[in-house]
Amino acid sequence: AIWLMGRVDDVMNVSGHRISTTEVESAL
């Protein structure tokens, strides 16, 4: 199944991990 992760420009790079803002927002 496809999960949209928002704009690629909104992907964060934390300690080498590329994390989507969408996932963190959903967790909150």
PDB file of all heavy atoms in Angstrom:
ATOM      1  N   ALA A   1       0.855  -1.194   0.000  1.00  0.00           N
ATOM      2  CA  ALA A   1       0.000   0.000   0.000  1.00  0.00           C
ATOM      3  C   ALA A   1       0.890   1.243   0.000  1.00  0.00           C
ATOM      4  O   ALA A   1       1.977   1.249   0.596  1.00  0.00           O
ATOM      5  CB  ALA A   1      -0.908   0.009   1.232  1.00  0.00           C
ATOM      6  N   ILE A   2       0.427   2.290  -0.688  1.00  0.00           N
ATOM      7  CA  ILE A   2       1.209   3.530  -0.795  1.00  0.00           C
ATOM      8  C   ILE A   2       0.862   4.476   0.352  1.00  0.00           C
ATOM      9  O   ILE A   2      -0.312   4.722   0.643  1.00  0.00           O
ATOM     10  CB  ILE A   2       0.924   4.238  -2.146  1.00  0.00           C
ATOM     11  CG1 ILE A   2       1.345   3.342  -3.325  1.00  0.00           C
ATOM     12  CG2 ILE A   2       1.632   5.588  -2.217  1.00  0.00           C
ATOM     13  CD1 ILE A   2       0.928   3.870  -4.697  1.00  0.00           C
ATOM     14  N   TRP A   3       1.904   5.003   0.990  1.00  0.00           N
ATOM     15  CA  TRP A   3       1.745   6.021   2.034  1.00  0.00           C
ATOM     16  C   TRP A   3       2.449   7.283   1.554  1.00  0.00           C
ATOM     17  O   TRP A   3       3.640   7.255   1.268  1.00  0.00           O
ATOM     18  CB  TRP A   3       2.383   5.543   3.349  1.00  0.00           C
ATOM     19  CG  TRP A   3       1.637   4.396   3.938  1.00  0.00           C
ATOM     20  CD1 TRP A   3       1.641   3.096   3.509  1.00  0.00           C
ATOM     21  CD2 TRP A   3       0.752   4.445   5.060  1.00  0.00           C
ATOM     22  NE1 TRP A   3       0.813   2.338   4.294  1.00  0.00           N
ATOM     23  CE2 TRP A   3       0.257   3.134   5.261  1.00  0.00           C
ATOM     24  CE3 TRP A   3       0.336   5.468   5.927  1.00  0.00           C
ATOM     25  CZ2 TRP A   3      -0.641   2.826   6.280  1.00  0.00           C
ATOM     26  CZ3 TRP A   3      -0.552   5.158   6.945  1.00  0.00           C
ATOM     27  CH2 TRP A   3      -1.035   3.849   7.118  1.00  0.00           C
ATOM     28  N   LEU A   4       1.715   8.368   1.473  1.00  0.00           N
ATOM     29  CA  LEU A   4       2.319   9.630   1.053  1.00  0.00           C
ATOM     30  C   LEU A   4       3.047  10.262   2.227  1.00  0.00           C
ATOM     31  O   LEU A   4       2.539  10.276   3.341  1.00  0.00           O
ATOM     32  CB  LEU A   4       1.237  10.597   0.552  1.00  0.00           C
ATOM     33  CG  LEU A   4       0.870  10.457  -0.931  1.00  0.00           C
ATOM     34  CD1 LEU A   4       2.108  10.601  -1.792  1.00  0.00           C
ATOM     35  CD2 LEU A   4       0.161   9.178  -1.252  1.00  0.00           C
ATOM     36  N   MET A   5       4.256  10.776   1.957  1.00  0.00           N
ATOM     37  CA  MET A   5       5.089  11.294   3.036  1.00  0.00           C
ATOM     38  C   MET A   5       5.287  12.807   2.935  1.00  0.00           C
ATOM     39  O   MET A   5       6.211  13.350   3.516  1.00  0.00           O
ATOM     40  CB  MET A   5       6.464  10.622   2.982  1.00  0.00           C
ATOM     41  CG  MET A   5       6.405   9.120   2.828  1.00  0.00           C
ATOM     42  SD  MET A   5       5.740   8.337   4.293  1.00  0.00           S
ATOM     43  CE  MET A   5       7.179   8.365   5.323  1.00  0.00           C
ATOM     44  N   GLY A   6       4.472  13.472   2.149  1.00  0.00           N
ATOM     45  CA  GLY A   6       4.641  14.919   2.027  1.00  0.00           C
ATOM     46  C   GLY A   6       5.735  15.260   1.023  1.00  0.00           C
ATOM     47  O   GLY A   6       6.309  14.396   0.366  1.00  0.00           O
ATOM     48  N   ARG A   7       6.031  16.553   0.923  1.00  0.00           N
ATOM     49  CA  ARG A   7       7.040  17.024  -0.022  1.00  0.00           C
ATOM     50  C   ARG A   7       8.413  16.496   0.345  1.00  0.00           C
ATOM     51  O   ARG A   7       8.767  16.441   1.517  1.00  0.00           O
ATOM     52  CB  ARG A   7       7.115  18.561  -0.011  1.00  0.00           C
ATOM     53  CG  ARG A   7       5.790  19.272  -0.123  1.00  0.00           C
ATOM     54  CD  ARG A   7       5.151  19.107  -1.462  1.00  0.00           C
ATOM     55  NE  ARG A   7       5.968  19.658  -2.539  1.00  0.00           N
ATOM     56  CZ  ARG A   7       5.770  19.403  -3.822  1.00  0.00           C
ATOM     57  NH1 ARG A   7       4.800  18.588  -4.184  1.00  0.00           N
ATOM     58  NH2 ARG A   7       6.529  19.944  -4.743  1.00  0.00           N
ATOM     59  N   VAL A   8       9.182  16.130  -0.663  1.00  0.00           N
ATOM     60  CA  VAL A   8      10.543  15.656  -0.397  1.00  0.00           C
ATOM     61  C   VAL A   8      11.346  16.768   0.287  1.00  0.00           C
ATOM     62  O   VAL A   8      12.214  16.509   1.115  1.00  0.00           O
ATOM     63  CB  VAL A   8      11.217  15.201  -1.711  1.00  0.00           C
ATOM     64  CG1 VAL A   8      12.680  14.916  -1.491  1.00  0.00           C
ATOM     65  CG2 VAL A   8      10.526  13.948  -2.230  1.00  0.00           C
ATOM     66  N   ASP A   9      11.008  18.033  -0.033  1.00  0.00           N
ATOM     67  CA  ASP A   9      11.693  19.165   0.624  1.00  0.00           C
ATOM     68  C   ASP A   9      11.446  19.156   2.126  1.00  0.00           C
ATOM     69  O   ASP A   9      12.158  19.796   2.887  1.00  0.00           O
ATOM     70  CB  ASP A   9      11.173  20.523   0.093  1.00  0.00           C
ATOM     71  CG  ASP A   9      11.023  20.539  -1.408  1.00  0.00           C
ATOM     72  OD1 ASP A   9      11.605  19.651  -2.050  1.00  0.00           O
ATOM     73  OD2 ASP A   9      10.328  21.420  -1.939  1.00  0.00           O
ATOM     74  N   ASP A  10      10.359  18.494   2.573  1.00  0.00           N
ATOM     75  CA  ASP A  10      10.037  18.469   4.000  1.00  0.00           C
ATOM     76  C   ASP A  10      10.653  17.267   4.719  1.00  0.00           C
ATOM     77  O   ASP A  10      10.357  17.029   5.880  1.00  0.00           O
ATOM     78  CB  ASP A  10       8.507  18.434   4.209  1.00  0.00           C
ATOM     79  CG  ASP A  10       7.844  19.742   3.798  1.00  0.00           C
ATOM     80  OD1 ASP A  10       8.534  20.769   3.817  1.00  0.00           O
ATOM     81  OD2 ASP A  10       6.654  19.726   3.454  1.00  0.00           O
ATOM     82  N   VAL A  11      11.471  16.495   4.009  1.00  0.00           N
ATOM     83  CA  VAL A  11      12.121  15.358   4.670  1.00  0.00           C
ATOM     84  C   VAL A  11      13.283  15.883   5.512  1.00  0.00           C
ATOM     85  O   VAL A  11      14.063  16.718   5.066  1.00  0.00           O
ATOM     86  CB  VAL A  11      12.623  14.331   3.632  1.00  0.00           C
ATOM     87  CG1 VAL A  11      13.487  13.270   4.289  1.00  0.00           C
ATOM     88  CG2 VAL A  11      11.433  13.673   2.947  1.00  0.00           C
ATOM     89  N   MET A  12      13.380  15.396   6.755  1.00  0.00           N
ATOM     90  CA  MET A  12      14.437  15.873   7.667  1.00  0.00           C
ATOM     91  C   MET A  12      15.597  14.882   7.670  1.00  0.00           C
ATOM     92  O   MET A  12      15.387  13.689   7.505  1.00  0.00           O
ATOM     93  CB  MET A  12      13.861  16.006   9.086  1.00  0.00           C
ATOM     94  CG  MET A  12      12.645  16.914   9.145  1.00  0.00           C
ATOM     95  SD  MET A  12      11.834  16.883  10.758  1.00  0.00           S
ATOM     96  CE  MET A  12      11.103  15.252  10.767  1.00  0.00           C
ATOM     97  N   ASN A  13      16.778  15.414   7.864  1.00  0.00           N
ATOM     98  CA  ASN A  13      17.949  14.544   7.933  1.00  0.00           C
ATOM     99  C   ASN A  13      18.523  14.611   9.347  1.00  0.00           C
ATOM    100  O   ASN A  13      19.201  15.566   9.706  1.00  0.00           O
ATOM    101  CB  ASN A  13      18.984  14.995   6.904  1.00  0.00           C
ATOM    102  CG  ASN A  13      19.939  13.867   6.573  1.00  0.00           C
ATOM    103  OD1 ASN A  13      20.241  13.048   7.435  1.00  0.00           O
ATOM    104  ND2 ASN A  13      20.419  13.821   5.348  1.00  0.00           N
ATOM    105  N   VAL A  14      18.206  13.591  10.146  1.00  0.00           N
ATOM    106  CA  VAL A  14      18.622  13.584  11.547  1.00  0.00           C
ATOM    107  C   VAL A  14      19.658  12.488  11.746  1.00  0.00           C
ATOM    108  O   VAL A  14      19.357  11.309  11.573  1.00  0.00           O
ATOM    109  CB  VAL A  14      17.402  13.345  12.473  1.00  0.00           C
ATOM    110  CG1 VAL A  14      17.821  13.401  13.930  1.00  0.00           C
ATOM    111  CG2 VAL A  14      16.300  14.355  12.186  1.00  0.00           C
ATOM    112  N   SER A  15      20.876  12.890  12.061  1.00  0.00           N
ATOM    113  CA  SER A  15      21.965  11.929  12.268  1.00  0.00           C
ATOM    114  C   SER A  15      22.024  10.897  11.140  1.00  0.00           C
ATOM    115  O   SER A  15      22.162   9.704  11.385  1.00  0.00           O
ATOM    116  CB  SER A  15      21.803  11.195  13.604  1.00  0.00           C
ATOM    117  OG  SER A  15      21.688  12.132  14.647  1.00  0.00           O
ATOM    118  N   GLY A  16      21.875  11.369   9.904  1.00  0.00           N
ATOM    119  CA  GLY A  16      21.985  10.469   8.756  1.00  0.00           C
ATOM    120  C   GLY A  16      20.712   9.709   8.420  1.00  0.00           C
ATOM    121  O   GLY A  16      20.657   8.999   7.432  1.00  0.00           O
ATOM    122  N   HIS A  17      19.680   9.865   9.266  1.00  0.00           N
ATOM    123  CA  HIS A  17      18.401   9.211   8.955  1.00  0.00           C
ATOM    124  C   HIS A  17      17.500  10.210   8.243  1.00  0.00           C
ATOM    125  O   HIS A  17      17.359  11.345   8.692  1.00  0.00           O
ATOM    126  CB  HIS A  17      17.696   8.760  10.245  1.00  0.00           C
ATOM    127  CG  HIS A  17      18.392   7.632  10.929  1.00  0.00           C
ATOM    128  ND1 HIS A  17      18.022   6.321  10.760  1.00  0.00           N
ATOM    129  CD2 HIS A  17      19.439   7.624  11.789  1.00  0.00           C
ATOM    130  CE1 HIS A  17      18.815   5.545  11.488  1.00  0.00           C
ATOM    131  NE2 HIS A  17      19.685   6.307  12.117  1.00  0.00           N
ATOM    132  N   ARG A  18      16.874   9.767   7.136  1.00  0.00           N
ATOM    133  CA  ARG A  18      15.951  10.658   6.425  1.00  0.00           C
ATOM    134  C   ARG A  18      14.528  10.365   6.902  1.00  0.00           C
ATOM    135  O   ARG A  18      13.976   9.309   6.620  1.00  0.00           O
ATOM    136  CB  ARG A  18      16.089  10.467   4.910  1.00  0.00           C
ATOM    137  CG  ARG A  18      17.432  11.024   4.412  1.00  0.00           C
ATOM    138  CD  ARG A  18      17.699  10.705   2.972  1.00  0.00           C
ATOM    139  NE  ARG A  18      16.698  11.256   2.057  1.00  0.00           N
ATOM    140  CZ  ARG A  18      16.677  12.530   1.646  1.00  0.00           C
ATOM    141  NH1 ARG A  18      17.584  13.385   2.073  1.00  0.00           N
ATOM    142  NH2 ARG A  18      15.756  12.943   0.810  1.00  0.00           N
ATOM    143  N   ILE A  19      14.010  11.313   7.648  1.00  0.00           N
ATOM    144  CA  ILE A  19      12.724  11.099   8.320  1.00  0.00           C
ATOM    145  C   ILE A  19      11.684  12.067   7.756  1.00  0.00           C
ATOM    146  O   ILE A  19      11.946  13.257   7.595  1.00  0.00           O
ATOM    147  CB  ILE A  19      12.892  11.325   9.846  1.00  0.00           C
ATOM    148  CG1 ILE A  19      13.888  10.300  10.395  1.00  0.00           C
ATOM    149  CG2 ILE A  19      11.559  11.230  10.569  1.00  0.00           C
ATOM    150  CD1 ILE A  19      14.315  10.574  11.821  1.00  0.00           C
ATOM    151  N   SER A  20      10.500  11.552   7.497  1.00  0.00           N
ATOM    152  CA  SER A  20       9.435  12.379   6.936  1.00  0.00           C
ATOM    153  C   SER A  20       8.715  13.153   8.037  1.00  0.00           C
ATOM    154  O   SER A  20       8.374  12.597   9.082  1.00  0.00           O
ATOM    155  CB  SER A  20       8.456  11.457   6.215  1.00  0.00           C
ATOM    156  OG  SER A  20       7.157  11.927   6.310  1.00  0.00           O
ATOM    157  N   THR A  21       8.482  14.441   7.787  1.00  0.00           N
ATOM    158  CA  THR A  21       7.734  15.263   8.759  1.00  0.00           C
ATOM    159  C   THR A  21       6.349  14.655   8.999  1.00  0.00           C
ATOM    160  O   THR A  21       5.842  14.667  10.116  1.00  0.00           O
ATOM    161  CB  THR A  21       7.548  16.701   8.238  1.00  0.00           C
ATOM    162  OG1 THR A  21       6.970  16.656   6.941  1.00  0.00           O
ATOM    163  CG2 THR A  21       8.869  17.444   8.166  1.00  0.00           C
ATOM    164  N   THR A  22       5.757  14.078   7.949  1.00  0.00           N
ATOM    165  CA  THR A  22       4.403  13.513   8.046  1.00  0.00           C
ATOM    166  C   THR A  22       4.320  12.436   9.125  1.00  0.00           C
ATOM    167  O   THR A  22       3.365  12.376   9.888  1.00  0.00           O
ATOM    168  CB  THR A  22       3.980  12.903   6.689  1.00  0.00           C
ATOM    169  OG1 THR A  22       4.155  13.893   5.683  1.00  0.00           O
ATOM    170  CG2 THR A  22       2.539  12.449   6.687  1.00  0.00           C
ATOM    171  N   GLU A  23       5.345  11.566   9.181  1.00  0.00           N
ATOM    172  CA  GLU A  23       5.299  10.475  10.162  1.00  0.00           C
ATOM    173  C   GLU A  23       5.379  10.987  11.598  1.00  0.00           C
ATOM    174  O   GLU A  23       4.685  10.496  12.478  1.00  0.00           O
ATOM    175  CB  GLU A  23       6.433   9.472   9.899  1.00  0.00           C
ATOM    176  CG  GLU A  23       6.192   8.652   8.652  1.00  0.00           C
ATOM    177  CD  GLU A  23       6.904   7.314   8.681  1.00  0.00           C
ATOM    178  OE1 GLU A  23       8.105   7.263   8.995  1.00  0.00           O
ATOM    179  OE2 GLU A  23       6.256   6.305   8.393  1.00  0.00           O
ATOM    180  N   VAL A  24       6.249  11.980  11.816  1.00  0.00           N
ATOM    181  CA  VAL A  24       6.391  12.517  13.178  1.00  0.00           C
ATOM    182  C   VAL A  24       5.107  13.259  13.569  1.00  0.00           C
ATOM    183  O   VAL A  24       4.623  13.155  14.702  1.00  0.00           O
ATOM    184  CB  VAL A  24       7.633  13.429  13.298  1.00  0.00           C
ATOM    185  CG1 VAL A  24       7.801  13.912  14.739  1.00  0.00           C
ATOM    186  CG2 VAL A  24       8.891  12.677  12.843  1.00  0.00           C
ATOM    187  N   GLU A  25       4.532  13.982  12.616  1.00  0.00           N
ATOM    188  CA  GLU A  25       3.269  14.680  12.890  1.00  0.00           C
ATOM    189  C   GLU A  25       2.169  13.688  13.246  1.00  0.00           C
ATOM    190  O   GLU A  25       1.409  13.893  14.197  1.00  0.00           O
ATOM    191  CB  GLU A  25       2.849  15.516  11.665  1.00  0.00           C
ATOM    192  CG  GLU A  25       3.719  16.762  11.500  1.00  0.00           C
ATOM    193  CD  GLU A  25       3.633  17.405  10.125  1.00  0.00           C
ATOM    194  OE1 GLU A  25       2.839  16.937   9.280  1.00  0.00           O
ATOM    195  OE2 GLU A  25       4.376  18.360   9.895  1.00  0.00           O
ATOM    196  N   SER A  26       2.102  12.584  12.498  1.00  0.00           N
ATOM    197  CA  SER A  26       1.078  11.575  12.793  1.00  0.00           C
ATOM    198  C   SER A  26       1.282  10.953  14.170  1.00  0.00           C
ATOM    199  O   SER A  26       0.314  10.673  14.870  1.00  0.00           O
ATOM    200  CB  SER A  26       1.074  10.483  11.725  1.00  0.00           C
ATOM    201  OG  SER A  26       0.501  10.980  10.540  1.00  0.00           O
ATOM    202  N   ALA A  27       2.527  10.743  14.546  1.00  0.00           N
ATOM    203  CA  ALA A  27       2.813  10.189  15.878  1.00  0.00           C
ATOM    204  C   ALA A  27       2.318  11.153  16.960  1.00  0.00           C
ATOM    205  O   ALA A  27       1.703  10.743  17.943  1.00  0.00           O
ATOM    206  CB  ALA A  27       4.308   9.928  16.036  1.00  0.00           C
ATOM    207  N   LEU A  28       2.558  12.449  16.769  1.00  0.00           N
ATOM    208  CA  LEU A  28       2.103  13.439  17.755  1.00  0.00           C
ATOM    209  C   LEU A  28       0.576  13.490  17.825  1.00  0.00           C
ATOM    210  O   LEU A  28      -0.019  13.519  18.898  1.00  0.00           O
ATOM    211  CB  LEU A  28       2.665  14.826  17.419  1.00  0.00           C
ATOM    212  CG  LEU A  28       4.158  15.005  17.743  1.00  0.00           C
ATOM    213  CD1 LEU A  28       4.750  16.180  16.975  1.00  0.00           C
ATOM    214  CD2 LEU A  28       4.371  15.184  19.249  1.00  0.00           C
TER     215      LEU A  28
END
